[in-house]
Amino acid sequence: MRIGIVGTGAMADALGGQWARVGHDVLVGGRDTGRSAALAGRIGGRAGSLRRVVEHGRDAVLLAVPYAVAADMVSGLSDTLAGRTLIDCTNPVGPGFLLETGGGPSAAERIAAAAPGARVVKAFNLCHESVWRLTPPVFDGRPLAVPLCGDDASALETVRRLVHDLGCLPLDGGGLERAALLEATAAFLIGLWVGQGADAQAIAPPLEYSGAV
């Protein structure tokens, strides 16, 4: 696939590196051209301007920037993002592990509103970047599951393939309106992990005890 990555931080490095490793054509870019070039060199991709990155991302564009600048950044690229699969991995989590979106639209919905022609999928926001560097992320023999929220069937299928390329299992999380639940889950888990040093995985029983079977 041709994948564009907007951003030069840890998530761009981790996910972009894994996708480049399995043979995808990855182009990265950010506001700092030096950091873009350095990232491209580390992951085996190429670097370009933000607009060129989006143009390159014919199959998918990963938005890997801080939530505070995400909507403004995609708004400036909205014409080029039209028709693109835009993967939002941002976490709007602020001090006290509270959602910066408050009771309003999710980060993913705000990003979709800023780039109305893009096909936004929320994904990859529940794990620290170190998890995405694992090859593959398997724990006690169980592959990591990655929930996806989005409204476009084709975009969701593309992201499912990218999840599989990481050695993970994609899960259907519903439409984009459910991205708020996914973001709230991230805030809650981060509070347990970082705030208390708790094993957050222990809060969920095995499937056979969930009442669903």
C-alpha atoms as a PDB file:
ATOM      1  CA  MET A   1       0.000   0.000   0.000  1.00  0.00           C
ATOM      2  CA  ARG A   2       0.922   3.651  -0.388  1.00  0.00           C
ATOM      3  CA  ILE A   3       0.763   5.117   3.119  1.00  0.00           C
ATOM      4  CA  GLY A   4       1.263   8.728   4.143  1.00  0.00           C
ATOM      5  CA  ILE A   5       2.119   9.539   7.746  1.00  0.00           C
ATOM      6  CA  VAL A   6       1.409  13.012   9.090  1.00  0.00           C
ATOM      7  CA  GLY A   7       3.628  13.529  12.113  1.00  0.00           C
ATOM      8  CA  THR A   8       7.161  12.669  13.216  1.00  0.00           C
ATOM      9  CA  GLY A   9       6.686  11.524  16.814  1.00  0.00           C
ATOM     10  CA  ALA A  10       6.799   8.137  18.507  1.00  0.00           C
ATOM     11  CA  MET A  11       3.546   6.787  17.069  1.00  0.00           C
ATOM     12  CA  ALA A  12       4.575   7.772  13.532  1.00  0.00           C
ATOM     13  CA  ASP A  13       7.911   6.071  14.118  1.00  0.00           C
ATOM     14  CA  ALA A  14       6.467   2.868  15.579  1.00  0.00           C
ATOM     15  CA  LEU A  15       3.566   2.281  13.186  1.00  0.00           C
ATOM     16  CA  GLY A  16       5.347   3.646  10.134  1.00  0.00           C
ATOM     17  CA  GLY A  17       8.357   1.482  10.848  1.00  0.00           C
ATOM     18  CA  GLN A  18       6.268  -1.671  11.078  1.00  0.00           C
ATOM     19  CA  TRP A  19       4.399  -0.940   7.859  1.00  0.00           C
ATOM     20  CA  ALA A  20       7.611  -0.131   6.017  1.00  0.00           C
ATOM     21  CA  ARG A  21       9.127  -3.361   7.346  1.00  0.00           C
ATOM     22  CA  VAL A  22       6.405  -5.483   5.718  1.00  0.00           C
ATOM     23  CA  GLY A  23       6.834  -3.723   2.389  1.00  0.00           C
ATOM     24  CA  HIS A  24       4.404  -0.814   2.306  1.00  0.00           C
ATOM     25  CA  ASP A  25       5.488   2.374   0.532  1.00  0.00           C
ATOM     26  CA  VAL A  26       5.650   4.877   3.406  1.00  0.00           C
ATOM     27  CA  LEU A  27       6.111   8.635   3.071  1.00  0.00           C
ATOM     28  CA  VAL A  28       6.396  10.693   6.275  1.00  0.00           C
ATOM     29  CA  GLY A  29       6.203  14.388   6.909  1.00  0.00           C
ATOM     30  CA  GLY A  30       5.775  17.027   9.583  1.00  0.00           C
ATOM     31  CA  ARG A  31       6.350  20.700  10.159  1.00  0.00           C
ATOM     32  CA  ASP A  32      10.060  20.119  10.852  1.00  0.00           C
ATOM     33  CA  THR A  33      11.731  18.865   7.669  1.00  0.00           C
ATOM     34  CA  GLY A  34      14.817  17.750   9.580  1.00  0.00           C
ATOM     35  CA  ARG A  35      12.785  15.502  11.871  1.00  0.00           C
ATOM     36  CA  SER A  36      10.890  14.170   8.862  1.00  0.00           C
ATOM     37  CA  ALA A  37      14.110  13.195   7.118  1.00  0.00           C
ATOM     38  CA  ALA A  38      15.503  11.601  10.273  1.00  0.00           C
ATOM     39  CA  LEU A  39      12.337   9.552  10.791  1.00  0.00           C
ATOM     40  CA  ALA A  40      12.301   8.404   7.179  1.00  0.00           C
ATOM     41  CA  GLY A  41      15.903   7.256   7.539  1.00  0.00           C
ATOM     42  CA  ARG A  42      15.123   5.271  10.710  1.00  0.00           C
ATOM     43  CA  ILE A  43      12.105   3.412   9.352  1.00  0.00           C
ATOM     44  CA  GLY A  44      13.237   2.884   5.763  1.00  0.00           C
ATOM     45  CA  GLY A  45      10.698   5.240   4.235  1.00  0.00           C
ATOM     46  CA  ARG A  46      10.887   8.590   2.499  1.00  0.00           C
ATOM     47  CA  ALA A  47      10.134  12.141   3.613  1.00  0.00           C
ATOM     48  CA  GLY A  48       8.095  14.915   2.047  1.00  0.00           C
ATOM     49  CA  SER A  49       5.968  17.951   2.727  1.00  0.00           C
ATOM     50  CA  LEU A  50       2.647  17.538   4.521  1.00  0.00           C
ATOM     51  CA  ARG A  51       0.705  17.988   1.314  1.00  0.00           C
ATOM     52  CA  ARG A  52       2.902  15.543  -0.548  1.00  0.00           C
ATOM     53  CA  VAL A  53       2.454  13.022   2.271  1.00  0.00           C
ATOM     54  CA  VAL A  54      -1.326  13.192   1.916  1.00  0.00           C
ATOM     55  CA  GLU A  55      -1.123  12.980  -1.864  1.00  0.00           C
ATOM     56  CA  HIS A  56       1.116   9.927  -1.507  1.00  0.00           C
ATOM     57  CA  GLY A  57      -1.304   8.227   0.904  1.00  0.00           C
ATOM     58  CA  ARG A  58      -3.546   6.886  -1.826  1.00  0.00           C
ATOM     59  CA  ASP A  59      -4.430   3.872   0.333  1.00  0.00           C
ATOM     60  CA  ALA A  60      -4.199   5.381   3.818  1.00  0.00           C
ATOM     61  CA  VAL A  61      -3.009   8.422   5.748  1.00  0.00           C
ATOM     62  CA  LEU A  62      -2.077   8.078   9.419  1.00  0.00           C
ATOM     63  CA  LEU A  63      -2.665  11.193  11.522  1.00  0.00           C
ATOM     64  CA  ALA A  64      -0.079  10.888  14.299  1.00  0.00           C
ATOM     65  CA  VAL A  65       0.090  14.345  15.854  1.00  0.00           C
ATOM     66  CA  PRO A  66      -0.976  15.739  19.240  1.00  0.00           C
ATOM     67  CA  TYR A  67      -4.735  16.140  19.563  1.00  0.00           C
ATOM     68  CA  ALA A  68      -4.350  19.872  20.218  1.00  0.00           C
ATOM     69  CA  VAL A  69      -3.178  20.510  16.642  1.00  0.00           C
ATOM     70  CA  ALA A  70      -4.949  17.670  14.814  1.00  0.00           C
ATOM     71  CA  ALA A  71      -8.105  19.420  13.621  1.00  0.00           C
ATOM     72  CA  ASP A  72      -6.267  22.540  12.460  1.00  0.00           C
ATOM     73  CA  MET A  73      -3.709  20.438  10.611  1.00  0.00           C
ATOM     74  CA  VAL A  74      -6.269  18.372   8.700  1.00  0.00           C
ATOM     75  CA  SER A  75      -8.349  21.471   7.999  1.00  0.00           C
ATOM     76  CA  GLY A  76      -5.407  22.938   6.116  1.00  0.00           C
ATOM     77  CA  LEU A  77      -5.122  19.725   4.109  1.00  0.00           C
ATOM     78  CA  SER A  78      -8.837  19.028   3.694  1.00  0.00           C
ATOM     79  CA  ASP A  79      -8.888  19.434  -0.070  1.00  0.00           C
ATOM     80  CA  THR A  80      -6.128  16.855  -0.507  1.00  0.00           C
ATOM     81  CA  LEU A  81      -7.638  14.522   2.096  1.00  0.00           C
ATOM     82  CA  ALA A  82     -10.921  14.212   0.201  1.00  0.00           C
ATOM     83  CA  GLY A  83     -11.536  10.538  -0.548  1.00  0.00           C
ATOM     84  CA  ARG A  84      -8.559   9.385   1.531  1.00  0.00           C
ATOM     85  CA  THR A  85      -8.717   6.856   4.365  1.00  0.00           C
ATOM     86  CA  LEU A  86      -7.598   8.925   7.369  1.00  0.00           C
ATOM     87  CA  ILE A  87      -6.545   6.934  10.443  1.00  0.00           C
ATOM     88  CA  ASP A  88      -6.877   8.876  13.687  1.00  0.00           C
ATOM     89  CA  CYS A  89      -4.737   7.536  16.537  1.00  0.00           C
ATOM     90  CA  THR A  90      -4.904  10.677  18.682  1.00  0.00           C
ATOM     91  CA  ASN A  91      -5.840  10.663  22.364  1.00  0.00           C
ATOM     92  CA  PRO A  92      -7.542  13.794  23.729  1.00  0.00           C
ATOM     93  CA  VAL A  93      -6.416  13.058  27.290  1.00  0.00           C
ATOM     94  CA  GLY A  94      -5.449  15.970  29.519  1.00  0.00           C
ATOM     95  CA  PRO A  95      -4.458  16.569  33.138  1.00  0.00           C
ATOM     96  CA  GLY A  96      -6.131  14.240  35.588  1.00  0.00           C
ATOM     97  CA  PHE A  97      -6.605  11.709  32.767  1.00  0.00           C
ATOM     98  CA  LEU A  98      -9.741  13.567  31.672  1.00  0.00           C
ATOM     99  CA  LEU A  99     -10.980  13.919  28.108  1.00  0.00           C
ATOM    100  CA  GLU A 100     -10.171  17.286  26.579  1.00  0.00           C
ATOM    101  CA  THR A 101     -13.258  16.906  24.397  1.00  0.00           C
ATOM    102  CA  GLY A 102     -15.487  17.173  27.474  1.00  0.00           C
ATOM    103  CA  GLY A 103     -19.031  16.130  26.721  1.00  0.00           C
ATOM    104  CA  GLY A 104     -18.843  17.223  23.105  1.00  0.00           C
ATOM    105  CA  PRO A 105     -17.944  15.407  19.880  1.00  0.00           C
ATOM    106  CA  SER A 106     -15.043  12.966  19.964  1.00  0.00           C
ATOM    107  CA  ALA A 107     -11.623  13.867  18.633  1.00  0.00           C
ATOM    108  CA  ALA A 108     -12.298  11.603  15.651  1.00  0.00           C
ATOM    109  CA  GLU A 109     -15.586  13.365  14.886  1.00  0.00           C
ATOM    110  CA  ARG A 110     -13.924  16.780  15.134  1.00  0.00           C
ATOM    111  CA  ILE A 111     -11.191  15.634  12.780  1.00  0.00           C
ATOM    112  CA  ALA A 112     -13.834  14.328  10.365  1.00  0.00           C
ATOM    113  CA  ALA A 113     -15.634  17.677  10.528  1.00  0.00           C
ATOM    114  CA  ALA A 114     -12.374  19.494   9.766  1.00  0.00           C
ATOM    115  CA  ALA A 115     -11.794  17.308   6.685  1.00  0.00           C
ATOM    116  CA  PRO A 116     -15.332  16.460   5.561  1.00  0.00           C
ATOM    117  CA  GLY A 117     -14.251  14.541   2.471  1.00  0.00           C
ATOM    118  CA  ALA A 118     -11.945  12.177   4.368  1.00  0.00           C
ATOM    119  CA  ARG A 119     -12.993   8.678   5.431  1.00  0.00           C
ATOM    120  CA  VAL A 120     -11.961   8.719   9.077  1.00  0.00           C
ATOM    121  CA  VAL A 121     -11.246   5.567  11.090  1.00  0.00           C
ATOM    122  CA  LYS A 122     -10.349   5.687  14.788  1.00  0.00           C
ATOM    123  CA  ALA A 123      -7.695   3.089  15.615  1.00  0.00           C
ATOM    124  CA  PHE A 124      -4.396   2.365  17.404  1.00  0.00           C
ATOM    125  CA  ASN A 125      -5.105   4.777  20.289  1.00  0.00           C
ATOM    126  CA  LEU A 126      -5.265   2.282  23.162  1.00  0.00           C
ATOM    127  CA  CYS A 127      -1.584   1.329  23.321  1.00  0.00           C
ATOM    128  CA  HIS A 128       1.695   3.039  24.108  1.00  0.00           C
ATOM    129  CA  GLU A 129       4.036   3.361  21.145  1.00  0.00           C
ATOM    130  CA  SER A 130       6.306   0.687  22.612  1.00  0.00           C
ATOM    131  CA  VAL A 131       3.576  -1.912  21.985  1.00  0.00           C
ATOM    132  CA  TRP A 132       3.490  -1.103  18.267  1.00  0.00           C
ATOM    133  CA  ARG A 133       7.235  -1.767  18.049  1.00  0.00           C
ATOM    134  CA  LEU A 134       6.746  -5.401  19.079  1.00  0.00           C
ATOM    135  CA  THR A 135       6.958  -7.919  16.258  1.00  0.00           C
ATOM    136  CA  PRO A 136       4.276  -9.050  16.735  1.00  0.00           C
ATOM    137  CA  PRO A 137       2.354  -7.758  19.787  1.00  0.00           C
ATOM    138  CA  VAL A 138       1.401 -11.141  21.263  1.00  0.00           C
ATOM    139  CA  PHE A 139       0.892 -11.598  24.993  1.00  0.00           C
ATOM    140  CA  ASP A 140       0.693 -15.075  26.575  1.00  0.00           C
ATOM    141  CA  GLY A 141       0.008 -16.482  23.122  1.00  0.00           C
ATOM    142  CA  ARG A 142      -2.853 -14.070  22.427  1.00  0.00           C
ATOM    143  CA  PRO A 143      -2.468 -11.499  19.611  1.00  0.00           C
ATOM    144  CA  LEU A 144      -3.339  -7.942  20.551  1.00  0.00           C
ATOM    145  CA  ALA A 145      -6.848  -6.907  19.463  1.00  0.00           C
ATOM    146  CA  VAL A 146      -7.294  -3.462  17.876  1.00  0.00           C
ATOM    147  CA  PRO A 147     -10.807  -1.927  17.893  1.00  0.00           C
ATOM    148  CA  LEU A 148     -11.775   0.223  14.898  1.00  0.00           C
ATOM    149  CA  CYS A 149     -14.546   2.818  14.655  1.00  0.00           C
ATOM    150  CA  GLY A 150     -15.580   4.223  11.287  1.00  0.00           C
ATOM    151  CA  ASP A 151     -18.447   4.670   8.854  1.00  0.00           C
ATOM    152  CA  ASP A 152     -16.863   3.783   5.508  1.00  0.00           C
ATOM    153  CA  ALA A 153     -16.699   0.052   4.716  1.00  0.00           C
ATOM    154  CA  SER A 154     -13.792   0.371   2.298  1.00  0.00           C
ATOM    155  CA  ALA A 155     -11.741   2.476   4.719  1.00  0.00           C
ATOM    156  CA  LEU A 156     -12.400   0.001   7.522  1.00  0.00           C
ATOM    157  CA  GLU A 157     -11.245  -2.880   5.334  1.00  0.00           C
ATOM    158  CA  THR A 158      -8.019  -1.036   4.545  1.00  0.00           C
ATOM    159  CA  VAL A 159      -7.315  -0.456   8.233  1.00  0.00           C
ATOM    160  CA  ARG A 160      -8.130  -4.083   9.035  1.00  0.00           C
ATOM    161  CA  ARG A 161      -5.412  -5.124   6.588  1.00  0.00           C
ATOM    162  CA  LEU A 162      -2.947  -2.762   8.250  1.00  0.00           C
ATOM    163  CA  VAL A 163      -3.861  -4.196  11.658  1.00  0.00           C
ATOM    164  CA  HIS A 164      -3.223  -7.713  10.357  1.00  0.00           C
ATOM    165  CA  ASP A 165       0.142  -6.536   9.008  1.00  0.00           C
ATOM    166  CA  LEU A 166       1.144  -5.739  12.601  1.00  0.00           C
ATOM    167  CA  GLY A 167       0.257  -9.267  13.680  1.00  0.00           C
ATOM    168  CA  CYS A 168      -2.851  -8.015  15.488  1.00  0.00           C
ATOM    169  CA  LEU A 169      -6.562  -8.818  15.383  1.00  0.00           C
ATOM    170  CA  PRO A 170      -8.979  -6.078  14.192  1.00  0.00           C
ATOM    171  CA  LEU A 171     -12.263  -5.712  16.079  1.00  0.00           C
ATOM    172  CA  ASP A 172     -15.387  -3.950  14.807  1.00  0.00           C
ATOM    173  CA  GLY A 173     -16.080  -1.124  17.244  1.00  0.00           C
ATOM    174  CA  GLY A 174     -19.011   0.349  15.323  1.00  0.00           C
ATOM    175  CA  GLY A 175     -19.482   3.649  13.563  1.00  0.00           C
ATOM    176  CA  LEU A 176     -17.528   6.839  14.095  1.00  0.00           C
ATOM    177  CA  GLU A 177     -20.101   7.984  16.643  1.00  0.00           C
ATOM    178  CA  ARG A 178     -18.667   5.290  18.937  1.00  0.00           C
ATOM    179  CA  ALA A 179     -15.143   6.740  18.743  1.00  0.00           C
ATOM    180  CA  ALA A 180     -15.978   8.765  21.860  1.00  0.00           C
ATOM    181  CA  LEU A 181     -16.279   5.476  23.773  1.00  0.00           C
ATOM    182  CA  LEU A 182     -12.916   4.333  22.443  1.00  0.00           C
ATOM    183  CA  GLU A 183     -11.290   7.612  23.468  1.00  0.00           C
ATOM    184  CA  ALA A 184     -12.900   7.447  26.927  1.00  0.00           C
ATOM    185  CA  THR A 185     -11.576   3.896  27.275  1.00  0.00           C
ATOM    186  CA  ALA A 186      -8.071   5.177  26.534  1.00  0.00           C
ATOM    187  CA  ALA A 187      -8.393   7.919  29.169  1.00  0.00           C
ATOM    188  CA  PHE A 188      -9.632   5.414  31.755  1.00  0.00           C
ATOM    189  CA  LEU A 189      -6.908   2.855  31.006  1.00  0.00           C
ATOM    190  CA  ILE A 190      -4.127   5.454  30.969  1.00  0.00           C
ATOM    191  CA  GLY A 191      -5.334   6.638  34.370  1.00  0.00           C
ATOM    192  CA  LEU A 192      -5.036   3.117  35.729  1.00  0.00           C
ATOM    193  CA  TRP A 193      -1.692   2.366  34.071  1.00  0.00           C
ATOM    194  CA  VAL A 194       0.061   5.680  34.647  1.00  0.00           C
ATOM    195  CA  GLY A 195      -1.854   7.064  37.595  1.00  0.00           C
ATOM    196  CA  GLN A 196      -1.908   3.897  39.725  1.00  0.00           C
ATOM    197  CA  GLY A 197       0.541   1.483  38.120  1.00  0.00           C
ATOM    198  CA  ALA A 198      -2.344  -0.965  37.903  1.00  0.00           C
ATOM    199  CA  ASP A 199      -2.660  -3.956  35.589  1.00  0.00           C
ATOM    200  CA  ALA A 200      -5.651  -2.601  33.692  1.00  0.00           C
ATOM    201  CA  GLN A 201      -5.999  -5.816  31.696  1.00  0.00           C
ATOM    202  CA  ALA A 202      -7.147  -7.505  34.900  1.00  0.00           C
ATOM    203  CA  ILE A 203     -10.430  -5.551  34.946  1.00  0.00           C
ATOM    204  CA  ALA A 204     -11.957  -7.688  32.136  1.00  0.00           C
ATOM    205  CA  PRO A 205     -12.801 -11.356  32.688  1.00  0.00           C
ATOM    206  CA  PRO A 206     -12.215 -13.998  30.002  1.00  0.00           C
ATOM    207  CA  LEU A 207     -14.895 -14.237  27.330  1.00  0.00           C
ATOM    208  CA  GLU A 208     -16.476 -17.348  28.851  1.00  0.00           C
ATOM    209  CA  TYR A 209     -17.258 -15.354  32.010  1.00  0.00           C
ATOM    210  CA  SER A 210     -18.531 -12.224  30.238  1.00  0.00           C
ATOM    211  CA  GLY A 211     -22.150 -13.289  29.944  1.00  0.00           C
ATOM    212  CA  ALA A 212     -21.889 -13.088  26.155  1.00  0.00           C
ATOM    213  CA  VAL A 213     -21.593 -16.856  25.600  1.00  0.00           C
END
